[in-house]
Amino acid sequence: MAYRISEDCISCGACEAECPVSCISEGDGLFVIDADSCIECGACASVCPVGAPNPEA
């Protein structure tokens, strides 16, 4: 199950820099994860200061 970034995102960019497969990009007001490229490693979640990246349910 791929990760997604919630509305809690503060657009700091920490997750984008940490992603080993570069599937995170800046969207309209928050960062977004390409679910097809996400390898579900959780690296983004471990560096996010507000806990915005979460596994999709």
C-alpha atoms as a PDB file:
ATOM      1  CA  MET A   1       0.000   0.000   0.000  1.00  0.00           C
ATOM      2  CA  ALA A   2       1.549   3.285  -1.134  1.00  0.00           C
ATOM      3  CA  TYR A   3       1.965   6.304   1.087  1.00  0.00           C
ATOM      4  CA  ARG A   4       0.030   9.512   0.563  1.00  0.00           C
ATOM      5  CA  ILE A   5       0.527  12.979   2.022  1.00  0.00           C
ATOM      6  CA  SER A   6      -2.320  14.428   4.060  1.00  0.00           C
ATOM      7  CA  GLU A   7      -3.594  17.989   4.231  1.00  0.00           C
ATOM      8  CA  ASP A   8      -1.330  18.445   7.274  1.00  0.00           C
ATOM      9  CA  CYS A   9       1.614  18.991   4.870  1.00  0.00           C
ATOM     10  CA  ILE A  10       3.462  22.258   5.484  1.00  0.00           C
ATOM     11  CA  SER A  11       5.450  22.048   2.200  1.00  0.00           C
ATOM     12  CA  CYS A  12       8.837  21.920   3.919  1.00  0.00           C
ATOM     13  CA  GLY A  13      10.270  19.486   1.351  1.00  0.00           C
ATOM     14  CA  ALA A  14      11.902  17.124   3.855  1.00  0.00           C
ATOM     15  CA  CYS A  15      10.031  14.136   2.434  1.00  0.00           C
ATOM     16  CA  GLU A  16      10.998  14.874  -1.170  1.00  0.00           C
ATOM     17  CA  ALA A  17      14.699  14.980  -0.300  1.00  0.00           C
ATOM     18  CA  GLU A  18      14.493  11.698   1.641  1.00  0.00           C
ATOM     19  CA  CYS A  19      12.607   9.593  -0.931  1.00  0.00           C
ATOM     20  CA  PRO A  20      14.974   6.965  -2.410  1.00  0.00           C
ATOM     21  CA  VAL A  21      12.901   6.569  -5.599  1.00  0.00           C
ATOM     22  CA  SER A  22      12.051  10.258  -6.166  1.00  0.00           C
ATOM     23  CA  CYS A  23       8.300   9.676  -6.239  1.00  0.00           C
ATOM     24  CA  ILE A  24       7.474  12.817  -4.220  1.00  0.00           C
ATOM     25  CA  SER A  25       6.936  16.175  -5.894  1.00  0.00           C
ATOM     26  CA  GLU A  26       5.562  19.567  -5.011  1.00  0.00           C
ATOM     27  CA  GLY A  27       1.880  19.844  -5.755  1.00  0.00           C
ATOM     28  CA  ASP A  28      -0.582  22.688  -5.329  1.00  0.00           C
ATOM     29  CA  GLY A  29       0.074  23.809  -1.755  1.00  0.00           C
ATOM     30  CA  LEU A  30       1.425  20.461  -0.532  1.00  0.00           C
ATOM     31  CA  PHE A  31       3.671  17.650  -1.664  1.00  0.00           C
ATOM     32  CA  VAL A  32       2.245  14.589  -3.423  1.00  0.00           C
ATOM     33  CA  ILE A  33       3.400  10.980  -3.818  1.00  0.00           C
ATOM     34  CA  ASP A  34       3.149   9.060  -7.092  1.00  0.00           C
ATOM     35  CA  ALA A  35       1.477   5.886  -5.808  1.00  0.00           C
ATOM     36  CA  ASP A  36       2.697   3.851  -8.791  1.00  0.00           C
ATOM     37  CA  SER A  37       6.343   4.627  -7.945  1.00  0.00           C
ATOM     38  CA  CYS A  38       6.132   4.476  -4.137  1.00  0.00           C
ATOM     39  CA  ILE A  39       8.017   1.486  -2.688  1.00  0.00           C
ATOM     40  CA  GLU A  40       6.364   1.875   0.736  1.00  0.00           C
ATOM     41  CA  CYS A  41       9.670   2.304   2.569  1.00  0.00           C
ATOM     42  CA  GLY A  42       8.395   4.936   5.016  1.00  0.00           C
ATOM     43  CA  ALA A  43      11.462   7.163   4.649  1.00  0.00           C
ATOM     44  CA  CYS A  44       9.212  10.161   4.021  1.00  0.00           C
ATOM     45  CA  ALA A  45       7.187   9.531   7.160  1.00  0.00           C
ATOM     46  CA  SER A  46      10.309   9.247   9.302  1.00  0.00           C
ATOM     47  CA  VAL A  47      11.498  12.780   8.436  1.00  0.00           C
ATOM     48  CA  CYS A  48       8.192  14.679   8.256  1.00  0.00           C
ATOM     49  CA  PRO A  49       7.871  17.163  11.135  1.00  0.00           C
ATOM     50  CA  VAL A  50       4.054  17.038  11.070  1.00  0.00           C
ATOM     51  CA  GLY A  51       3.447  13.372  10.211  1.00  0.00           C
ATOM     52  CA  ALA A  52       1.751  14.098   6.889  1.00  0.00           C
ATOM     53  CA  PRO A  53       2.864  10.978   4.939  1.00  0.00           C
ATOM     54  CA  ASN A  54       0.767   7.946   5.837  1.00  0.00           C
ATOM     55  CA  PRO A  55       0.091   4.545   4.280  1.00  0.00           C
ATOM     56  CA  GLU A  56      -3.061   4.611   2.150  1.00  0.00           C
ATOM     57  CA  ALA A  57      -5.887   2.640   3.659  1.00  0.00           C
END
